[in-house]
C-alpha atoms as a PDB file:
ATOM      1  CA  MET A   1      20.007  10.684 -18.601  1.00  0.00           C
ATOM      2  CA  ARG A   2      19.659   7.504 -16.424  1.00  0.00           C
ATOM      3  CA  VAL A   3      17.623   8.458 -13.468  1.00  0.00           C
ATOM      4  CA  MET A   4      20.080   7.073 -11.118  1.00  0.00           C
ATOM      5  CA  ASP A   5      22.693   9.853 -12.304  1.00  0.00           C
ATOM      6  CA  HIS A   6      20.997  12.023 -10.911  1.00  0.00           C
ATOM      7  CA  PRO A   7      22.102  12.919  -6.854  1.00  0.00           C
ATOM      8  CA  SER A   8      18.523  14.263  -5.719  1.00  0.00           C
ATOM      9  CA  ALA A   9      17.098  10.964  -7.764  1.00  0.00           C
ATOM     10  CA  LYS A  10      19.424   8.620  -6.491  1.00  0.00           C
ATOM     11  CA  ALA A  11      18.360   9.380  -3.057  1.00  0.00           C
ATOM     12  CA  PHE A  12      15.392   9.068  -2.866  1.00  0.00           C
ATOM     13  CA  VAL A  13      15.262   5.801  -4.111  1.00  0.00           C
ATOM     14  CA  LEU A  14      17.194   4.742  -2.273  1.00  0.00           C
ATOM     15  CA  HIS A  15      15.387   6.370   0.825  1.00  0.00           C
ATOM     16  CA  TRP A  16      12.496   4.537  -0.742  1.00  0.00           C
ATOM     17  CA  GLY A  17      14.164   1.389  -1.018  1.00  0.00           C
ATOM     18  CA  GLU A  18      14.273   1.873   3.380  1.00  0.00           C
ATOM     19  CA  MET A  19      11.412   3.459   3.714  1.00  0.00           C
ATOM     20  CA  GLY A  20      10.396   0.314   2.369  1.00  0.00           C
ATOM     21  CA  THR A  21      11.525  -2.671   4.806  1.00  0.00           C
ATOM     22  CA  GLN A  22       9.699   0.157   7.545  1.00  0.00           C
ATOM     23  CA  TRP A  23       6.422  -0.820   5.953  1.00  0.00           C
ATOM     24  CA  GLY A  24       7.673  -4.711   5.158  1.00  0.00           C
ATOM     25  CA  VAL A  25       8.205  -4.031   1.135  1.00  0.00           C
ATOM     26  CA  ASN A  26      11.201  -5.697   0.016  1.00  0.00           C
ATOM     27  CA  ARG A  27      13.651  -3.095  -0.138  1.00  0.00           C
ATOM     28  CA  SER A  28      14.384  -4.233  -3.588  1.00  0.00           C
ATOM     29  CA  GLN A  29      10.923  -4.119  -4.533  1.00  0.00           C
ATOM     30  CA  SER A  30      10.617  -0.365  -3.654  1.00  0.00           C
ATOM     31  CA  GLN A  31      13.431  -0.030  -5.230  1.00  0.00           C
ATOM     32  CA  ILE A  32      12.338  -0.443  -8.385  1.00  0.00           C
ATOM     33  CA  HIS A  33       8.915   1.432  -8.340  1.00  0.00           C
ATOM     34  CA  ALA A  34      10.853   4.990  -7.619  1.00  0.00           C
ATOM     35  CA  LEU A  35      13.343   3.761 -10.439  1.00  0.00           C
ATOM     36  CA  LEU A  36       9.533   3.386 -12.625  1.00  0.00           C
ATOM     37  CA  TYR A  37       7.646   6.375 -10.617  1.00  0.00           C
ATOM     38  CA  LEU A  38      10.741   8.646 -11.459  1.00  0.00           C
ATOM     39  CA  SER A  39      11.537   7.704 -15.051  1.00  0.00           C
ATOM     40  CA  ASP A  40      10.134   9.152 -18.292  1.00  0.00           C
ATOM     41  CA  ARG A  41      10.207   6.239 -20.238  1.00  0.00           C
ATOM     42  CA  PRO A  42       9.359   2.705 -19.913  1.00  0.00           C
ATOM     43  CA  LEU A  43      12.062   0.453 -18.838  1.00  0.00           C
ATOM     44  CA  HIS A  44      13.228  -3.248 -19.573  1.00  0.00           C
ATOM     45  CA  ALA A  45      13.950  -5.852 -17.067  1.00  0.00           C
ATOM     46  CA  GLU A  46      17.831  -5.914 -17.985  1.00  0.00           C
ATOM     47  CA  GLU A  47      18.098  -1.442 -17.808  1.00  0.00           C
ATOM     48  CA  ILE A  48      16.857  -1.411 -13.895  1.00  0.00           C
ATOM     49  CA  VAL A  49      18.973  -4.529 -12.974  1.00  0.00           C
ATOM     50  CA  ASP A  50      21.695  -2.056 -14.335  1.00  0.00           C
ATOM     51  CA  GLN A  51      20.658   0.847 -12.920  1.00  0.00           C
ATOM     52  CA  LEU A  52      19.849  -0.459  -9.490  1.00  0.00           C
ATOM     53  CA  GLY A  53      22.748  -2.795  -9.542  1.00  0.00           C
ATOM     54  CA  LEU A  54      20.072  -5.989  -8.802  1.00  0.00           C
ATOM     55  CA  ALA A  55      20.333  -9.063  -9.835  1.00  0.00           C
ATOM     56  CA  ARG A  56      17.907  -9.932 -12.761  1.00  0.00           C
ATOM     57  CA  SER A  57      16.078 -12.921  -9.912  1.00  0.00           C
ATOM     58  CA  ASN A  58      15.247 -10.091  -8.210  1.00  0.00           C
ATOM     59  CA  VAL A  59      13.843  -7.582 -10.736  1.00  0.00           C
ATOM     60  CA  SER A  60      11.530 -10.758 -11.906  1.00  0.00           C
ATOM     61  CA  THR A  61      10.389 -11.440  -8.252  1.00  0.00           C
ATOM     62  CA  GLY A  62      10.146  -7.570  -7.503  1.00  0.00           C
ATOM     63  CA  VAL A  63       8.537  -6.762 -10.862  1.00  0.00           C
ATOM     64  CA  LYS A  64       5.483  -8.854 -10.319  1.00  0.00           C
ATOM     65  CA  GLU A  65       4.550  -8.134  -6.077  1.00  0.00           C
ATOM     66  CA  LEU A  66       4.727  -4.550  -7.792  1.00  0.00           C
ATOM     67  CA  GLN A  67       1.750  -6.066 -10.592  1.00  0.00           C
ATOM     68  CA  SER A  68      -0.013  -7.749  -8.190  1.00  0.00           C
ATOM     69  CA  PHE A  69      -0.803  -4.276  -6.216  1.00  0.00           C
ATOM     70  CA  GLY A  70      -1.189  -2.749  -8.383  1.00  0.00           C
ATOM     71  CA  ILE A  71       0.824  -0.129  -8.999  1.00  0.00           C
ATOM     72  CA  VAL A  72       3.465  -1.124 -11.957  1.00  0.00           C
ATOM     73  CA  ARG A  73       2.244  -2.333 -14.837  1.00  0.00           C
ATOM     74  CA  ARG A  74       3.730  -4.144 -18.170  1.00  0.00           C
ATOM     75  CA  VAL A  75       3.229  -1.794 -22.035  1.00  0.00           C
ATOM     76  CA  HIS A  76       4.936  -2.915 -25.200  1.00  0.00           C
ATOM     77  CA  VAL A  77       7.793  -0.592 -27.026  1.00  0.00           C
ATOM     78  CA  GLU A  78       6.911  -1.022 -31.024  1.00  0.00           C
ATOM     79  CA  GLY A  79       9.816  -2.292 -32.500  1.00  0.00           C
ATOM     80  CA  ASP A  80      11.349  -3.714 -29.282  1.00  0.00           C
ATOM     81  CA  ARG A  81       9.911  -7.424 -28.135  1.00  0.00           C
ATOM     82  CA  ARG A  82      11.321  -7.320 -24.446  1.00  0.00           C
ATOM     83  CA  ASP A  83       8.617  -6.598 -21.658  1.00  0.00           C
ATOM     84  CA  HIS A  84       8.710  -3.001 -20.401  1.00  0.00           C
ATOM     85  CA  PHE A  85       7.753  -1.223 -16.968  1.00  0.00           C
ATOM     86  CA  ILE A  86       5.694   1.398 -15.922  1.00  0.00           C
ATOM     87  CA  ALA A  87       4.756   2.605 -13.265  1.00  0.00           C
ATOM     88  CA  GLU A  88       1.144   4.315 -11.748  1.00  0.00           C
ATOM     89  CA  GLY A  89       2.110   8.479 -12.194  1.00  0.00           C
ATOM     90  CA  ASP A  90      -1.168   9.433 -10.162  1.00  0.00           C
ATOM     91  CA  LEU A  91      -0.285   9.472  -6.220  1.00  0.00           C
ATOM     92  CA  TRP A  92      -3.787   9.707  -5.129  1.00  0.00           C
ATOM     93  CA  GLU A  93      -3.673   6.117  -7.213  1.00  0.00           C
ATOM     94  CA  ILE A  94      -0.655   4.130  -5.810  1.00  0.00           C
ATOM     95  CA  LEU A  95      -2.321   5.936  -2.206  1.00  0.00           C
ATOM     96  CA  MET A  96      -5.671   3.270  -3.067  1.00  0.00           C
ATOM     97  CA  LYS A  97      -4.523   0.966  -4.540  1.00  0.00           C
ATOM     98  CA  VAL A  98      -1.225  -0.034  -1.855  1.00  0.00           C
ATOM     99  CA  THR A  99      -4.619   0.472   0.549  1.00  0.00           C
ATOM    100  CA  ALA A 100      -6.503  -1.902  -1.079  1.00  0.00           C
ATOM    101  CA  GLU A 101      -3.808  -4.712  -1.686  1.00  0.00           C
ATOM    102  CA  ARG A 102      -2.465  -4.290   1.580  1.00  0.00           C
ATOM    103  CA  LYS A 103      -6.378  -4.569   3.659  1.00  0.00           C
ATOM    104  CA  LYS A 104      -7.131  -7.966   1.407  1.00  0.00           C
ATOM    105  CA  ARG A 105      -3.939  -9.497   2.452  1.00  0.00           C
ATOM    106  CA  GLU A 106      -3.432  -8.250   6.162  1.00  0.00           C
ATOM    107  CA  VAL A 107      -6.984  -6.811   7.308  1.00  0.00           C
ATOM    108  CA  ASP A 108      -9.292  -9.112   6.186  1.00  0.00           C
ATOM    109  CA  PRO A 109      -7.898 -12.404   6.824  1.00  0.00           C
ATOM    110  CA  THR A 110      -7.330 -11.112  10.692  1.00  0.00           C
ATOM    111  CA  LEU A 111     -11.097  -9.453  11.064  1.00  0.00           C
ATOM    112  CA  ARG A 112     -12.185 -13.251   9.548  1.00  0.00           C
ATOM    113  CA  LEU A 113      -9.940 -15.185  11.938  1.00  0.00           C
ATOM    114  CA  LEU A 114     -10.924 -12.661  15.146  1.00  0.00           C
ATOM    115  CA  GLU A 115     -15.214 -13.130  13.876  1.00  0.00           C
ATOM    116  CA  GLU A 116     -14.624 -17.170  14.385  1.00  0.00           C
ATOM    117  CA  LEU A 117     -12.999 -16.472  17.352  1.00  0.00           C
ATOM    118  CA  ALA A 118     -15.717 -14.413  18.736  1.00  0.00           C
ATOM    119  CA  ALA A 119     -17.963 -16.013  17.891  1.00  0.00           C
ATOM    120  CA  ASP A 120     -16.359 -19.097  19.519  1.00  0.00           C
ATOM    121  CA  LEU A 121     -15.834 -17.183  22.654  1.00  0.00           C
ATOM    122  CA  LYS A 122     -19.428 -15.756  23.146  1.00  0.00           C
ATOM    123  CA  LYS A 123     -20.323 -19.546  23.585  1.00  0.00           C
ATOM    124  CA  ASP A 124     -17.491 -21.046  25.742  1.00  0.00           C
ATOM    125  CA  LYS A 125     -18.076 -20.172  29.721  1.00  0.00           C
ATOM    126  CA  ALA A 126     -14.982 -21.444  30.340  1.00  0.00           C
ATOM    127  CA  ALA A 127     -12.784 -18.832  28.011  1.00  0.00           C
ATOM    128  CA  PRO A 128     -11.686 -16.370  30.981  1.00  0.00           C
ATOM    129  CA  GLU A 129     -13.875 -12.720  30.483  1.00  0.00           C
ATOM    130  CA  HIS A 130     -11.058 -10.578  30.003  1.00  0.00           C
ATOM    131  CA  ILE A 131      -9.778 -12.604  26.942  1.00  0.00           C
ATOM    132  CA  ARG A 132     -13.708 -13.143  25.302  1.00  0.00           C
ATOM    133  CA  GLU A 133     -14.504  -9.230  25.835  1.00  0.00           C
ATOM    134  CA  ARG A 134     -11.854  -7.585  24.739  1.00  0.00           C
ATOM    135  CA  ILE A 135     -10.963 -10.337  21.522  1.00  0.00           C
ATOM    136  CA  ILE A 136     -14.609  -9.153  21.228  1.00  0.00           C
ATOM    137  CA  ARG A 137     -13.650  -5.704  21.105  1.00  0.00           C
ATOM    138  CA  MET A 138     -10.757  -6.177  19.502  1.00  0.00           C
ATOM    139  CA  HIS A 139     -13.259  -7.707  16.557  1.00  0.00           C
ATOM    140  CA  ASP A 140     -16.055  -5.435  16.577  1.00  0.00           C
ATOM    141  CA  PHE A 141     -12.849  -2.445  16.343  1.00  0.00           C
ATOM    142  CA  MET A 142     -11.205  -4.663  12.993  1.00  0.00           C
ATOM    143  CA  GLY A 143     -14.756  -4.448  11.374  1.00  0.00           C
ATOM    144  CA  THR A 144     -15.526  -0.797  12.870  1.00  0.00           C
ATOM    145  CA  LEU A 145     -11.941   0.369  10.203  1.00  0.00           C
ATOM    146  CA  GLY A 146     -13.185  -2.110   7.510  1.00  0.00           C
ATOM    147  CA  ASN A 147     -16.402  -0.521   6.990  1.00  0.00           C
ATOM    148  CA  TRP A 148     -14.834   3.097   7.372  1.00  0.00           C
ATOM    149  CA  TYR A 149     -12.156   2.234   5.086  1.00  0.00           C
ATOM    150  CA  GLU A 150     -15.140   0.609   2.348  1.00  0.00           C
ATOM    151  CA  GLN A 151     -17.212   3.702   3.383  1.00  0.00           C
ATOM    152  CA  VAL A 152     -14.168   6.404   2.227  1.00  0.00           C
ATOM    153  CA  ARG A 153     -12.421   4.430  -0.413  1.00  0.00           C
ATOM    154  CA  LYS A 154     -15.333   6.014  -2.971  1.00  0.00           C
ATOM    155  CA  LEU A 155     -14.774   8.699  -2.460  1.00  0.00           C
ATOM    156  CA  PRO A 156     -14.827  10.792  -5.194  1.00  0.00           C
ATOM    157  CA  LYS A 157     -10.623  12.009  -5.143  1.00  0.00           C
ATOM    158  CA  SER A 158     -11.479  15.547  -4.618  1.00  0.00           C
ATOM    159  CA  THR A 159     -13.596  15.298  -0.847  1.00  0.00           C
ATOM    160  CA  LEU A 160      -9.853  12.645  -0.043  1.00  0.00           C
ATOM    161  CA  VAL A 161      -8.421  15.103  -0.879  1.00  0.00           C
ATOM    162  CA  THR A 162     -10.832  18.304   1.041  1.00  0.00           C
ATOM    163  CA  LEU A 163     -10.945  15.916   4.030  1.00  0.00           C
ATOM    164  CA  MET A 164      -6.810  15.692   4.643  1.00  0.00           C
ATOM    165  CA  LYS A 165      -6.096  18.939   3.854  1.00  0.00           C
ATOM    166  CA  LEU A 166      -9.105  20.281   6.789  1.00  0.00           C
ATOM    167  CA  GLY A 167      -7.254  17.225   8.933  1.00  0.00           C
ATOM    168  CA  ALA A 168      -8.890  18.151  12.823  1.00  0.00           C
ATOM    169  CA  GLY A 169     -10.765  20.716  11.653  1.00  0.00           C
ATOM    170  CA  VAL A 170     -13.490  18.190  10.149  1.00  0.00           C
ATOM    171  CA  ALA A 171     -14.155  18.055  14.035  1.00  0.00           C
ATOM    172  CA  LYS A 172     -15.954  21.010  13.608  1.00  0.00           C
ATOM    173  CA  PHE A 173     -18.725  19.531  11.328  1.00  0.00           C
ATOM    174  CA  ILE A 174     -19.377  16.748  14.473  1.00  0.00           C
ATOM    175  CA  PRO A 175     -22.500  17.829  16.594  1.00  0.00           C
ATOM    176  CA  GLY A 176     -20.729  17.662  20.025  1.00  0.00           C
ATOM    177  CA  SER A 177     -17.033  17.673  19.725  1.00  0.00           C
ATOM    178  CA  LYS A 178     -14.870  20.442  20.845  1.00  0.00           C
ATOM    179  CA  LYS A 179     -11.287  20.953  20.311  1.00  0.00           C
ATOM    180  CA  GLU A 180      -9.431  19.534  23.210  1.00  0.00           C
END
């Protein structure tokens, strides 16, 4: 059975495509990822084209982008010369890989720019104080966020799962914090 022949699978793939656009990811790429994630076997590009109704060029571009995130990889199927593709099946790995790539592409360049601007503004006595203060504060915030991410990503998966399940309950372990 083709993945897209099942109504629940089709609904998931279409929804994943819509959600992708909300996250700033191309709809076709998101749908390709969803299809590969649900598939019980590697798919070649023509199968992806056929099931999703996408242009071959969109599939090629989408698969390359998903590979650059590390959540889809190329595999070879014995007896078939075509490239086949599979999605990462571990949801934690998907989360960690996507987060790392988004940080590299979005947060790191912003942090570098803010670092330059903050350094310039510390020397620029003519700059309005509120601009200096807000850019420096944003730089500090983004730096703290980046440092937190680097520490959290090194935690074992079991610790991350426990932290997520604790949610706001983790505050009871922090001295001086209270529930509001």
